[in-house]
Amino acid sequence: MKRNKIFSILALSGLLFASCASGPSKTSFGPYSEAEAFYKGGDYPKAIEKYQKYLAENPQGNLAAIAEYYVAKSYLASGNTGKARESFERVAKKFPGTSWAEFAKEQLEKLQGTAKS
């Protein structure tokens, strides 16, 4: 029993040190990562293109709700409120019960308030 415990500790230690030795991880999510870079840089048309490419390749991917939301945010930042509204509605409909759906609903309320002013 004691021998198994020592072996387990050594095995886990080896795994931890091996993961540290590989250096920093350069994780990329392909088009999604590219889209984020374009969004942060203010190139919203390119961001939309890349987010949509990610969604076409990963419609049910882990980042799909976020990508859909940032498509809408990109349209909004570009001044295209009609497309932004459609995109926020799509997020709320496709991803109900998620925080991204709630964020989209908040944006829709802001857009509705802007339209009434």
PDB file of N, CA and C in Angstrom:
ATOM      1  N   MET A   1       0.824  -1.189   0.000  1.00  0.00           N
ATOM      2  CA  MET A   1       0.000   0.000   0.000  1.00  0.00           C
ATOM      3  C   MET A   1       0.869   1.254   0.000  1.00  0.00           C
ATOM      4  N   LYS A   2       1.866   1.264   0.896  1.00  0.00           N
ATOM      5  CA  LYS A   2       2.760   2.408   0.983  1.00  0.00           C
ATOM      6  C   LYS A   2       3.558   2.568  -0.305  1.00  0.00           C
ATOM      7  N   ARG A   3       3.940   1.428  -0.901  1.00  0.00           N
ATOM      8  CA  ARG A   3       4.714   1.442  -2.139  1.00  0.00           C
ATOM      9  C   ARG A   3       3.878   2.057  -3.276  1.00  0.00           C
ATOM     10  N   ASN A   4       2.589   1.733  -3.347  1.00  0.00           N
ATOM     11  CA  ASN A   4       1.714   2.295  -4.384  1.00  0.00           C
ATOM     12  C   ASN A   4       1.565   3.802  -4.221  1.00  0.00           C
ATOM     13  N   LYS A   5       1.471   4.247  -2.982  1.00  0.00           N
ATOM     14  CA  LYS A   5       1.324   5.677  -2.715  1.00  0.00           C
ATOM     15  C   LYS A   5       2.568   6.435  -3.161  1.00  0.00           C
ATOM     16  N   ILE A   6       3.742   5.887  -2.848  1.00  0.00           N
ATOM     17  CA  ILE A   6       5.002   6.525  -3.255  1.00  0.00           C
ATOM     18  C   ILE A   6       5.113   6.545  -4.774  1.00  0.00           C
ATOM     19  N   PHE A   7       4.751   5.428  -5.425  1.00  0.00           N
ATOM     20  CA  PHE A   7       4.802   5.371  -6.882  1.00  0.00           C
ATOM     21  C   PHE A   7       3.872   6.415  -7.491  1.00  0.00           C
ATOM     22  N   SER A   8       2.668   6.552  -6.935  1.00  0.00           N
ATOM     23  CA  SER A   8       1.704   7.527  -7.448  1.00  0.00           C
ATOM     24  C   SER A   8       2.236   8.946  -7.327  1.00  0.00           C
ATOM     25  N   ILE A   9       2.846   9.253  -6.193  1.00  0.00           N
ATOM     26  CA  ILE A   9       3.394  10.596  -5.982  1.00  0.00           C
ATOM     27  C   ILE A   9       4.519  10.867  -6.972  1.00  0.00           C
ATOM     28  N   LEU A  10       5.396   9.888  -7.181  1.00  0.00           N
ATOM     29  CA  LEU A  10       6.493  10.059  -8.138  1.00  0.00           C
ATOM     30  C   LEU A  10       5.965  10.223  -9.563  1.00  0.00           C
ATOM     31  N   ALA A  11       4.955   9.444  -9.909  1.00  0.00           N
ATOM     32  CA  ALA A  11       4.393   9.536 -11.258  1.00  0.00           C
ATOM     33  C   ALA A  11       3.769  10.913 -11.495  1.00  0.00           C
ATOM     34  N   LEU A  12       3.010  11.402 -10.527  1.00  0.00           N
ATOM     35  CA  LEU A  12       2.406  12.728 -10.658  1.00  0.00           C
ATOM     36  C   LEU A  12       3.459  13.820 -10.721  1.00  0.00           C
ATOM     37  N   SER A  13       4.488  13.692  -9.920  1.00  0.00           N
ATOM     38  CA  SER A  13       5.582  14.676  -9.947  1.00  0.00           C
ATOM     39  C   SER A  13       6.241  14.711 -11.313  1.00  0.00           C
ATOM     40  N   GLY A  14       6.471  13.534 -11.867  1.00  0.00           N
ATOM     41  CA  GLY A  14       7.074  13.462 -13.197  1.00  0.00           C
ATOM     42  C   GLY A  14       6.224  14.141 -14.251  1.00  0.00           C
ATOM     43  N   LEU A  15       4.918  13.932 -14.183  1.00  0.00           N
ATOM     44  CA  LEU A  15       4.010  14.578 -15.129  1.00  0.00           C
ATOM     45  C   LEU A  15       4.029  16.092 -14.978  1.00  0.00           C
ATOM     46  N   LEU A  16       4.040  16.555 -13.744  1.00  0.00           N
ATOM     47  CA  LEU A  16       4.069  18.003 -13.510  1.00  0.00           C
ATOM     48  C   LEU A  16       5.342  18.634 -14.049  1.00  0.00           C
ATOM     49  N   PHE A  17       6.472  17.995 -13.781  1.00  0.00           N
ATOM     50  CA  PHE A  17       7.745  18.540 -14.268  1.00  0.00           C
ATOM     51  C   PHE A  17       7.839  18.455 -15.785  1.00  0.00           C
ATOM     52  N   ALA A  18       7.310  17.406 -16.361  1.00  0.00           N
ATOM     53  CA  ALA A  18       7.342  17.269 -17.816  1.00  0.00           C
ATOM     54  C   ALA A  18       6.522  18.364 -18.486  1.00  0.00           C
ATOM     55  N   SER A  19       5.378  18.704 -17.900  1.00  0.00           N
ATOM     56  CA  SER A  19       4.552  19.750 -18.499  1.00  0.00           C
ATOM     57  C   SER A  19       5.213  21.119 -18.369  1.00  0.00           C
ATOM     58  N   CYS A  20       5.973  21.335 -17.313  1.00  0.00           N
ATOM     59  CA  CYS A  20       6.677  22.607 -17.134  1.00  0.00           C
ATOM     60  C   CYS A  20       7.836  22.738 -18.111  1.00  0.00           C
ATOM     61  N   ALA A  21       8.466  21.630 -18.433  1.00  0.00           N
ATOM     62  CA  ALA A  21       9.649  21.648 -19.289  1.00  0.00           C
ATOM     63  C   ALA A  21       9.312  21.958 -20.740  1.00  0.00           C
ATOM     64  N   SER A  22       8.074  21.775 -21.130  1.00  0.00           N
ATOM     65  CA  SER A  22       7.721  21.982 -22.535  1.00  0.00           C
ATOM     66  C   SER A  22       7.640  23.449 -22.907  1.00  0.00           C
ATOM     67  N   GLY A  23       7.704  24.353 -21.940  1.00  0.00           N
ATOM     68  CA  GLY A  23       7.669  25.779 -22.231  1.00  0.00           C
ATOM     69  C   GLY A  23       6.257  26.287 -22.316  1.00  0.00           C
ATOM     70  N   PRO A  24       6.114  27.557 -22.614  1.00  0.00           N
ATOM     71  CA  PRO A  24       4.783  28.150 -22.665  1.00  0.00           C
ATOM     72  C   PRO A  24       3.958  27.561 -23.797  1.00  0.00           C
ATOM     73  N   SER A  25       2.704  27.378 -23.526  1.00  0.00           N
ATOM     74  CA  SER A  25       1.794  26.825 -24.514  1.00  0.00           C
ATOM     75  C   SER A  25       1.396  27.908 -25.509  1.00  0.00           C
ATOM     76  N   LYS A  26       1.389  27.552 -26.760  1.00  0.00           N
ATOM     77  CA  LYS A  26       0.958  28.478 -27.808  1.00  0.00           C
ATOM     78  C   LYS A  26      -0.360  27.965 -28.361  1.00  0.00           C
ATOM     79  N   THR A  27      -1.403  28.124 -27.569  1.00  0.00           N
ATOM     80  CA  THR A  27      -2.719  27.642 -27.947  1.00  0.00           C
ATOM     81  C   THR A  27      -3.340  28.592 -28.961  1.00  0.00           C
ATOM     82  N   SER A  28      -3.860  28.006 -30.005  1.00  0.00           N
ATOM     83  CA  SER A  28      -4.561  28.790 -31.009  1.00  0.00           C
ATOM     84  C   SER A  28      -5.845  28.058 -31.358  1.00  0.00           C
ATOM     85  N   PHE A  29      -6.901  28.802 -31.508  1.00  0.00           N
ATOM     86  CA  PHE A  29      -8.173  28.238 -31.901  1.00  0.00           C
ATOM     87  C   PHE A  29      -8.487  28.635 -33.335  1.00  0.00           C
ATOM     88  N   GLY A  30      -7.451  28.741 -34.156  1.00  0.00           N
ATOM     89  CA  GLY A  30      -7.621  29.033 -35.565  1.00  0.00           C
ATOM     90  C   GLY A  30      -8.350  30.326 -35.819  1.00  0.00           C
ATOM     91  N   PRO A  31      -9.431  30.257 -36.604  1.00  0.00           N
ATOM     92  CA  PRO A  31     -10.161  31.472 -36.955  1.00  0.00           C
ATOM     93  C   PRO A  31     -10.658  32.255 -35.738  1.00  0.00           C
ATOM     94  N   TYR A  32     -10.992  31.550 -34.651  1.00  0.00           N
ATOM     95  CA  TYR A  32     -11.469  32.259 -33.458  1.00  0.00           C
ATOM     96  C   TYR A  32     -10.375  33.160 -32.901  1.00  0.00           C
ATOM     97  N   SER A  33      -9.159  32.638 -32.795  1.00  0.00           N
ATOM     98  CA  SER A  33      -8.043  33.442 -32.287  1.00  0.00           C
ATOM     99  C   SER A  33      -7.763  34.627 -33.205  1.00  0.00           C
ATOM    100  N   GLU A  34      -7.837  34.379 -34.498  1.00  0.00           N
ATOM    101  CA  GLU A  34      -7.630  35.460 -35.459  1.00  0.00           C
ATOM    102  C   GLU A  34      -8.720  36.522 -35.307  1.00  0.00           C
ATOM    103  N   ALA A  35      -9.953  36.074 -35.132  1.00  0.00           N
ATOM    104  CA  ALA A  35     -11.073  36.999 -34.970  1.00  0.00           C
ATOM    105  C   ALA A  35     -10.876  37.889 -33.748  1.00  0.00           C
ATOM    106  N   GLU A  36     -10.432  37.289 -32.647  1.00  0.00           N
ATOM    107  CA  GLU A  36     -10.193  38.078 -31.437  1.00  0.00           C
ATOM    108  C   GLU A  36      -9.139  39.151 -31.680  1.00  0.00           C
ATOM    109  N   ALA A  37      -8.100  38.795 -32.386  1.00  0.00           N
ATOM    110  CA  ALA A  37      -7.042  39.771 -32.680  1.00  0.00           C
ATOM    111  C   ALA A  37      -7.591  40.919 -33.524  1.00  0.00           C
ATOM    112  N   PHE A  38      -8.383  40.599 -34.534  1.00  0.00           N
ATOM    113  CA  PHE A  38      -8.982  41.648 -35.368  1.00  0.00           C
ATOM    114  C   PHE A  38      -9.944  42.507 -34.546  1.00  0.00           C
ATOM    115  N   TYR A  39     -10.742  41.881 -33.684  1.00  0.00           N
ATOM    116  CA  TYR A  39     -11.686  42.634 -32.856  1.00  0.00           C
ATOM    117  C   TYR A  39     -10.934  43.597 -31.946  1.00  0.00           C
ATOM    118  N   LYS A  40      -9.915  43.103 -31.281  1.00  0.00           N
ATOM    119  CA  LYS A  40      -9.132  43.949 -30.368  1.00  0.00           C
ATOM    120  C   LYS A  40      -8.448  45.081 -31.124  1.00  0.00           C
ATOM    121  N   GLY A  41      -8.088  44.823 -32.383  1.00  0.00           N
ATOM    122  CA  GLY A  41      -7.440  45.839 -33.194  1.00  0.00           C
ATOM    123  C   GLY A  41      -8.413  46.799 -33.862  1.00  0.00           C
ATOM    124  N   GLY A  42      -9.710  46.556 -33.691  1.00  0.00           N
ATOM    125  CA  GLY A  42     -10.703  47.455 -34.271  1.00  0.00           C
ATOM    126  C   GLY A  42     -11.038  47.174 -35.729  1.00  0.00           C
ATOM    127  N   ASP A  43     -10.553  46.055 -36.269  1.00  0.00           N
ATOM    128  CA  ASP A  43     -10.875  45.688 -37.652  1.00  0.00           C
ATOM    129  C   ASP A  43     -12.102  44.774 -37.614  1.00  0.00           C
ATOM    130  N   TYR A  44     -13.274  45.394 -37.445  1.00  0.00           N
ATOM    131  CA  TYR A  44     -14.506  44.648 -37.222  1.00  0.00           C
ATOM    132  C   TYR A  44     -14.965  43.816 -38.422  1.00  0.00           C
ATOM    133  N   PRO A  45     -14.833  44.299 -39.650  1.00  0.00           N
ATOM    134  CA  PRO A  45     -15.213  43.440 -40.783  1.00  0.00           C
ATOM    135  C   PRO A  45     -14.401  42.141 -40.830  1.00  0.00           C
ATOM    136  N   LYS A  46     -13.104  42.231 -40.583  1.00  0.00           N
ATOM    137  CA  LYS A  46     -12.257  41.021 -40.566  1.00  0.00           C
ATOM    138  C   LYS A  46     -12.625  40.140 -39.381  1.00  0.00           C
ATOM    139  N   ALA A  47     -12.933  40.761 -38.231  1.00  0.00           N
ATOM    140  CA  ALA A  47     -13.332  39.991 -37.048  1.00  0.00           C
ATOM    141  C   ALA A  47     -14.602  39.197 -37.354  1.00  0.00           C
ATOM    142  N   ILE A  48     -15.577  39.850 -37.968  1.00  0.00           N
ATOM    143  CA  ILE A  48     -16.834  39.177 -38.319  1.00  0.00           C
ATOM    144  C   ILE A  48     -16.546  37.997 -39.239  1.00  0.00           C
ATOM    145  N   GLU A  49     -15.733  38.227 -40.246  1.00  0.00           N
ATOM    146  CA  GLU A  49     -15.378  37.173 -41.201  1.00  0.00           C
ATOM    147  C   GLU A  49     -14.780  35.958 -40.483  1.00  0.00           C
ATOM    148  N   LYS A  50     -13.840  36.204 -39.574  1.00  0.00           N
ATOM    149  CA  LYS A  50     -13.155  35.105 -38.886  1.00  0.00           C
ATOM    150  C   LYS A  50     -14.059  34.422 -37.861  1.00  0.00           C
ATOM    151  N   TYR A  51     -14.873  35.200 -37.126  1.00  0.00           N
ATOM    152  CA  TYR A  51     -15.821  34.581 -36.199  1.00  0.00           C
ATOM    153  C   TYR A  51     -16.787  33.683 -36.973  1.00  0.00           C
ATOM    154  N   GLN A  52     -17.260  34.166 -38.118  1.00  0.00           N
ATOM    155  CA  GLN A  52     -18.196  33.379 -38.916  1.00  0.00           C
ATOM    156  C   GLN A  52     -17.529  32.129 -39.486  1.00  0.00           C
ATOM    157  N   LYS A  53     -16.255  32.246 -39.819  1.00  0.00           N
ATOM    158  CA  LYS A  53     -15.527  31.062 -40.290  1.00  0.00           C
ATOM    159  C   LYS A  53     -15.426  30.033 -39.161  1.00  0.00           C
ATOM    160  N   TYR A  54     -15.102  30.512 -37.956  1.00  0.00           N
ATOM    161  CA  TYR A  54     -15.045  29.594 -36.809  1.00  0.00           C
ATOM    162  C   TYR A  54     -16.400  28.905 -36.628  1.00  0.00           C
ATOM    163  N   LEU A  55     -17.491  29.684 -36.699  1.00  0.00           N
ATOM    164  CA  LEU A  55     -18.829  29.131 -36.510  1.00  0.00           C
ATOM    165  C   LEU A  55     -19.203  28.130 -37.595  1.00  0.00           C
ATOM    166  N   ALA A  56     -18.772  28.384 -38.823  1.00  0.00           N
ATOM    167  CA  ALA A  56     -19.054  27.449 -39.912  1.00  0.00           C
ATOM    168  C   ALA A  56     -18.343  26.114 -39.671  1.00  0.00           C
ATOM    169  N   GLU A  57     -17.143  26.189 -39.119  1.00  0.00           N
ATOM    170  CA  GLU A  57     -16.362  24.979 -38.846  1.00  0.00           C
ATOM    171  C   GLU A  57     -16.750  24.315 -37.522  1.00  0.00           C
ATOM    172  N   ASN A  58     -17.275  25.084 -36.574  1.00  0.00           N
ATOM    173  CA  ASN A  58     -17.578  24.592 -35.226  1.00  0.00           C
ATOM    174  C   ASN A  58     -18.923  25.116 -34.732  1.00  0.00           C
ATOM    175  N   PRO A  59     -20.024  24.781 -35.396  1.00  0.00           N
ATOM    176  CA  PRO A  59     -21.305  25.366 -35.007  1.00  0.00           C
ATOM    177  C   PRO A  59     -21.726  25.049 -33.570  1.00  0.00           C
ATOM    178  N   GLN A  60     -21.244  23.955 -33.026  1.00  0.00           N
ATOM    179  CA  GLN A  60     -21.556  23.582 -31.649  1.00  0.00           C
ATOM    180  C   GLN A  60     -20.303  23.589 -30.779  1.00  0.00           C
ATOM    181  N   GLY A  61     -19.264  24.282 -31.224  1.00  0.00           N
ATOM    182  CA  GLY A  61     -18.003  24.329 -30.496  1.00  0.00           C
ATOM    183  C   GLY A  61     -18.130  25.032 -29.155  1.00  0.00           C
ATOM    184  N   ASN A  62     -17.127  24.842 -28.322  1.00  0.00           N
ATOM    185  CA  ASN A  62     -17.121  25.451 -26.989  1.00  0.00           C
ATOM    186  C   ASN A  62     -17.186  26.973 -27.047  1.00  0.00           C
ATOM    187  N   LEU A  63     -16.708  27.544 -28.120  1.00  0.00           N
ATOM    188  CA  LEU A  63     -16.645  29.000 -28.230  1.00  0.00           C
ATOM    189  C   LEU A  63     -17.743  29.569 -29.135  1.00  0.00           C
ATOM    190  N   ALA A  64     -18.689  28.730 -29.534  1.00  0.00           N
ATOM    191  CA  ALA A  64     -19.711  29.166 -30.497  1.00  0.00           C
ATOM    192  C   ALA A  64     -20.562  30.318 -29.959  1.00  0.00           C
ATOM    193  N   ALA A  65     -21.014  30.227 -28.728  1.00  0.00           N
ATOM    194  CA  ALA A  65     -21.846  31.293 -28.167  1.00  0.00           C
ATOM    195  C   ALA A  65     -21.074  32.606 -28.103  1.00  0.00           C
ATOM    196  N   ILE A  66     -19.815  32.506 -27.715  1.00  0.00           N
ATOM    197  CA  ILE A  66     -18.974  33.706 -27.610  1.00  0.00           C
ATOM    198  C   ILE A  66     -18.729  34.293 -28.996  1.00  0.00           C
ATOM    199  N   ALA A  67     -18.442  33.432 -29.955  1.00  0.00           N
ATOM    200  CA  ALA A  67     -18.206  33.907 -31.320  1.00  0.00           C
ATOM    201  C   ALA A  67     -19.445  34.597 -31.878  1.00  0.00           C
ATOM    202  N   GLU A  68     -20.614  33.986 -31.669  1.00  0.00           N
ATOM    203  CA  GLU A  68     -21.874  34.604 -32.130  1.00  0.00           C
ATOM    204  C   GLU A  68     -22.067  35.968 -31.470  1.00  0.00           C
ATOM    205  N   TYR A  69     -21.796  36.042 -30.178  1.00  0.00           N
ATOM    206  CA  TYR A  69     -21.955  37.302 -29.449  1.00  0.00           C
ATOM    207  C   TYR A  69     -21.018  38.372 -30.011  1.00  0.00           C
ATOM    208  N   TYR A  70     -19.779  37.994 -30.288  1.00  0.00           N
ATOM    209  CA  TYR A  70     -18.832  38.989 -30.791  1.00  0.00           C
ATOM    210  C   TYR A  70     -19.033  39.337 -32.263  1.00  0.00           C
ATOM    211  N   VAL A  71     -19.728  38.496 -32.988  1.00  0.00           N
ATOM    212  CA  VAL A  71     -20.171  38.907 -34.324  1.00  0.00           C
ATOM    213  C   VAL A  71     -21.103  40.102 -34.148  1.00  0.00           C
ATOM    214  N   ALA A  72     -22.041  39.950 -33.208  1.00  0.00           N
ATOM    215  CA  ALA A  72     -22.998  41.030 -32.942  1.00  0.00           C
ATOM    216  C   ALA A  72     -22.289  42.292 -32.454  1.00  0.00           C
ATOM    217  N   LYS A  73     -21.353  42.128 -31.521  1.00  0.00           N
ATOM    218  CA  LYS A  73     -20.607  43.282 -31.003  1.00  0.00           C
ATOM    219  C   LYS A  73     -19.808  43.952 -32.121  1.00  0.00           C
ATOM    220  N   SER A  74     -19.290  43.170 -33.035  1.00  0.00           N
ATOM    221  CA  SER A  74     -18.526  43.727 -34.155  1.00  0.00           C
ATOM    222  C   SER A  74     -19.423  44.540 -35.078  1.00  0.00           C
ATOM    223  N   TYR A  75     -20.629  44.005 -35.349  1.00  0.00           N
ATOM    224  CA  TYR A  75     -21.584  44.772 -36.150  1.00  0.00           C
ATOM    225  C   TYR A  75     -21.939  46.079 -35.451  1.00  0.00           C
ATOM    226  N   LEU A  76     -22.157  46.001 -34.152  1.00  0.00           N
ATOM    227  CA  LEU A  76     -22.505  47.190 -33.382  1.00  0.00           C
ATOM    228  C   LEU A  76     -21.382  48.220 -33.433  1.00  0.00           C
ATOM    229  N   ALA A  77     -20.149  47.757 -33.232  1.00  0.00           N
ATOM    230  CA  ALA A  77     -18.994  48.662 -33.258  1.00  0.00           C
ATOM    231  C   ALA A  77     -18.795  49.273 -34.649  1.00  0.00           C
ATOM    232  N   SER A  78     -19.246  48.562 -35.672  1.00  0.00           N
ATOM    233  CA  SER A  78     -19.139  49.067 -37.049  1.00  0.00           C
ATOM    234  C   SER A  78     -20.267  50.032 -37.395  1.00  0.00           C
ATOM    235  N   GLY A  79     -21.240  50.145 -36.497  1.00  0.00           N
ATOM    236  CA  GLY A  79     -22.366  51.041 -36.750  1.00  0.00           C
ATOM    237  C   GLY A  79     -23.538  50.385 -37.448  1.00  0.00           C
ATOM    238  N   ASN A  80     -23.485  49.083 -37.667  1.00  0.00           N
ATOM    239  CA  ASN A  80     -24.567  48.381 -38.337  1.00  0.00           C
ATOM    240  C   ASN A  80     -25.509  47.802 -37.275  1.00  0.00           C
ATOM    241  N   THR A  81     -26.396  48.655 -36.756  1.00  0.00           N
ATOM    242  CA  THR A  81     -27.266  48.239 -35.653  1.00  0.00           C
ATOM    243  C   THR A  81     -28.297  47.189 -36.075  1.00  0.00           C
ATOM    244  N   GLY A  82     -28.701  47.211 -37.328  1.00  0.00           N
ATOM    245  CA  GLY A  82     -29.656  46.212 -37.815  1.00  0.00           C
ATOM    246  C   GLY A  82     -29.073  44.808 -37.749  1.00  0.00           C
ATOM    247  N   LYS A  83     -27.880  44.657 -38.282  1.00  0.00           N
ATOM    248  CA  LYS A  83     -27.195  43.356 -38.245  1.00  0.00           C
ATOM    249  C   LYS A  83     -26.846  42.986 -36.808  1.00  0.00           C
ATOM    250  N   ALA A  84     -26.469  43.970 -36.002  1.00  0.00           N
ATOM    251  CA  ALA A  84     -26.140  43.710 -34.597  1.00  0.00           C
ATOM    252  C   ALA A  84     -27.367  43.154 -33.887  1.00  0.00           C
ATOM    253  N   ARG A  85     -28.512  43.782 -34.099  1.00  0.00           N
ATOM    254  CA  ARG A  85     -29.766  43.340 -33.469  1.00  0.00           C
ATOM    255  C   ARG A  85     -30.080  41.896 -33.874  1.00  0.00           C
ATOM    256  N   GLU A  86     -29.989  41.594 -35.168  1.00  0.00           N
ATOM    257  CA  GLU A  86     -30.242  40.230 -35.655  1.00  0.00           C
ATOM    258  C   GLU A  86     -29.293  39.231 -34.992  1.00  0.00           C
ATOM    259  N   SER A  87     -28.045  39.614 -34.876  1.00  0.00           N
ATOM    260  CA  SER A  87     -27.048  38.717 -34.302  1.00  0.00           C
ATOM    261  C   SER A  87     -27.262  38.502 -32.803  1.00  0.00           C
ATOM    262  N   PHE A  88     -27.594  39.572 -32.077  1.00  0.00           N
ATOM    263  CA  PHE A  88     -27.887  39.423 -30.647  1.00  0.00           C
ATOM    264  C   PHE A  88     -29.118  38.528 -30.447  1.00  0.00           C
ATOM    265  N   GLU A  89     -30.132  38.696 -31.297  1.00  0.00           N
ATOM    266  CA  GLU A  89     -31.324  37.846 -31.207  1.00  0.00           C
ATOM    267  C   GLU A  89     -30.965  36.382 -31.457  1.00  0.00           C
ATOM    268  N   ARG A  90     -30.066  36.144 -32.398  1.00  0.00           N
ATOM    269  CA  ARG A  90     -29.616  34.782 -32.693  1.00  0.00           C
ATOM    270  C   ARG A  90     -28.911  34.166 -31.479  1.00  0.00           C
ATOM    271  N   VAL A  91     -28.077  34.952 -30.798  1.00  0.00           N
ATOM    272  CA  VAL A  91     -27.381  34.456 -29.602  1.00  0.00           C
ATOM    273  C   VAL A  91     -28.401  34.058 -28.535  1.00  0.00           C
ATOM    274  N   ALA A  92     -29.369  34.934 -28.297  1.00  0.00           N
ATOM    275  CA  ALA A  92     -30.381  34.668 -27.273  1.00  0.00           C
ATOM    276  C   ALA A  92     -31.192  33.414 -27.604  1.00  0.00           C
ATOM    277  N   LYS A  93     -31.469  33.216 -28.884  1.00  0.00           N
ATOM    278  CA  LYS A  93     -32.285  32.073 -29.306  1.00  0.00           C
ATOM    279  C   LYS A  93     -31.481  30.766 -29.316  1.00  0.00           C
ATOM    280  N   LYS A  94     -30.252  30.816 -29.832  1.00  0.00           N
ATOM    281  CA  LYS A  94     -29.454  29.593 -29.981  1.00  0.00           C
ATOM    282  C   LYS A  94     -28.831  29.107 -28.675  1.00  0.00           C
ATOM    283  N   PHE A  95     -28.609  30.022 -27.735  1.00  0.00           N
ATOM    284  CA  PHE A  95     -27.893  29.657 -26.513  1.00  0.00           C
ATOM    285  C   PHE A  95     -28.664  30.083 -25.257  1.00  0.00           C
ATOM    286  N   PRO A  96     -29.938  29.697 -25.164  1.00  0.00           N
ATOM    287  CA  PRO A  96     -30.737  30.112 -23.996  1.00  0.00           C
ATOM    288  C   PRO A  96     -30.140  29.559 -22.703  1.00  0.00           C
ATOM    289  N   GLY A  97     -30.301  30.318 -21.649  1.00  0.00           N
ATOM    290  CA  GLY A  97     -29.819  29.866 -20.348  1.00  0.00           C
ATOM    291  C   GLY A  97     -28.333  30.075 -20.121  1.00  0.00           C
ATOM    292  N   THR A  98     -27.640  30.683 -21.097  1.00  0.00           N
ATOM    293  CA  THR A  98     -26.211  30.957 -20.926  1.00  0.00           C
ATOM    294  C   THR A  98     -26.016  32.432 -20.584  1.00  0.00           C
ATOM    295  N   SER A  99     -24.869  32.727 -20.042  1.00  0.00           N
ATOM    296  CA  SER A  99     -24.563  34.129 -19.749  1.00  0.00           C
ATOM    297  C   SER A  99     -24.484  34.937 -21.044  1.00  0.00           C
ATOM    298  N   TRP A 100     -24.077  34.302 -22.139  1.00  0.00           N
ATOM    299  CA  TRP A 100     -23.974  35.016 -23.416  1.00  0.00           C
ATOM    300  C   TRP A 100     -25.355  35.417 -23.919  1.00  0.00           C
ATOM    301  N   ALA A 101     -26.352  34.568 -23.681  1.00  0.00           N
ATOM    302  CA  ALA A 101     -27.730  34.927 -24.047  1.00  0.00           C
ATOM    303  C   ALA A 101     -28.198  36.115 -23.214  1.00  0.00           C
ATOM    304  N   GLU A 102     -27.841  36.117 -21.934  1.00  0.00           N
ATOM    305  CA  GLU A 102     -28.216  37.239 -21.064  1.00  0.00           C
ATOM    306  C   GLU A 102     -27.521  38.525 -21.509  1.00  0.00           C
ATOM    307  N   PHE A 103     -26.233  38.428 -21.853  1.00  0.00           N
ATOM    308  CA  PHE A 103     -25.512  39.609 -22.345  1.00  0.00           C
ATOM    309  C   PHE A 103     -26.168  40.131 -23.618  1.00  0.00           C
ATOM    310  N   ALA A 104     -26.563  39.206 -24.491  1.00  0.00           N
ATOM    311  CA  ALA A 104     -27.207  39.600 -25.754  1.00  0.00           C
ATOM    312  C   ALA A 104     -28.529  40.311 -25.480  1.00  0.00           C
ATOM    313  N   LYS A 105     -29.305  39.798 -24.532  1.00  0.00           N
ATOM    314  CA  LYS A 105     -30.583  40.438 -24.177  1.00  0.00           C
ATOM    315  C   LYS A 105     -30.354  41.845 -23.630  1.00  0.00           C
ATOM    316  N   GLU A 106     -29.303  42.007 -22.834  1.00  0.00           N
ATOM    317  CA  GLU A 106     -28.975  43.342 -22.317  1.00  0.00           C
ATOM    318  C   GLU A 106     -28.648  44.289 -23.464  1.00  0.00           C
ATOM    319  N   GLN A 107     -27.893  43.807 -24.436  1.00  0.00           N
ATOM    320  CA  GLN A 107     -27.546  44.639 -25.593  1.00  0.00           C
ATOM    321  C   GLN A 107     -28.800  44.989 -26.394  1.00  0.00           C
ATOM    322  N   LEU A 108     -29.713  44.025 -26.532  1.00  0.00           N
ATOM    323  CA  LEU A 108     -30.960  44.292 -27.253  1.00  0.00           C
ATOM    324  C   LEU A 108     -31.787  45.361 -26.548  1.00  0.00           C
ATOM    325  N   GLU A 109     -31.799  45.318 -25.206  1.00  0.00           N
ATOM    326  CA  GLU A 109     -32.518  46.339 -24.452  1.00  0.00           C
ATOM    327  C   GLU A 109     -31.887  47.715 -24.668  1.00  0.00           C
ATOM    328  N   LYS A 110     -30.570  47.771 -24.685  1.00  0.00           N
ATOM    329  CA  LYS A 110     -29.879  49.049 -24.928  1.00  0.00           C
ATOM    330  C   LYS A 110     -30.210  49.555 -26.334  1.00  0.00           C
ATOM    331  N   LEU A 111     -30.215  48.647 -27.301  1.00  0.00           N
ATOM    332  CA  LEU A 111     -30.530  49.047 -28.671  1.00  0.00           C
ATOM    333  C   LEU A 111     -31.968  49.538 -28.774  1.00  0.00           C
ATOM    334  N   GLN A 112     -32.856  48.894 -28.059  1.00  0.00           N
ATOM    335  CA  GLN A 112     -34.258  49.311 -28.079  1.00  0.00           C
ATOM    336  C   GLN A 112     -34.398  50.710 -27.455  1.00  0.00           C
ATOM    337  N   GLY A 113     -33.661  50.950 -26.367  1.00  0.00           N
ATOM    338  CA  GLY A 113     -33.693  52.266 -25.723  1.00  0.00           C
ATOM    339  C   GLY A 113     -33.126  53.338 -26.629  1.00  0.00           C
ATOM    340  N   THR A 114     -32.103  53.000 -27.404  1.00  0.00           N
ATOM    341  CA  THR A 114     -31.491  53.938 -28.344  1.00  0.00           C
ATOM    342  C   THR A 114     -32.455  54.263 -29.468  1.00  0.00           C
ATOM    343  N   ALA A 115     -33.207  53.254 -29.913  1.00  0.00           N
ATOM    344  CA  ALA A 115     -34.144  53.467 -31.016  1.00  0.00           C
ATOM    345  C   ALA A 115     -35.294  54.379 -30.598  1.00  0.00           C
ATOM    346  N   LYS A 116     -35.685  54.339 -29.304  1.00  0.00           N
ATOM    347  CA  LYS A 116     -36.779  55.177 -28.827  1.00  0.00           C
ATOM    348  C   LYS A 116     -36.368  56.625 -28.603  1.00  0.00           C
ATOM    349  N   SER A 117     -35.087  56.853 -28.426  1.00  0.00           N
ATOM    350  CA  SER A 117     -34.607  58.222 -28.121  1.00  0.00           C
ATOM    351  C   SER A 117     -34.698  59.130 -29.317  1.00  0.00           C
TER     352      SER A 117
END
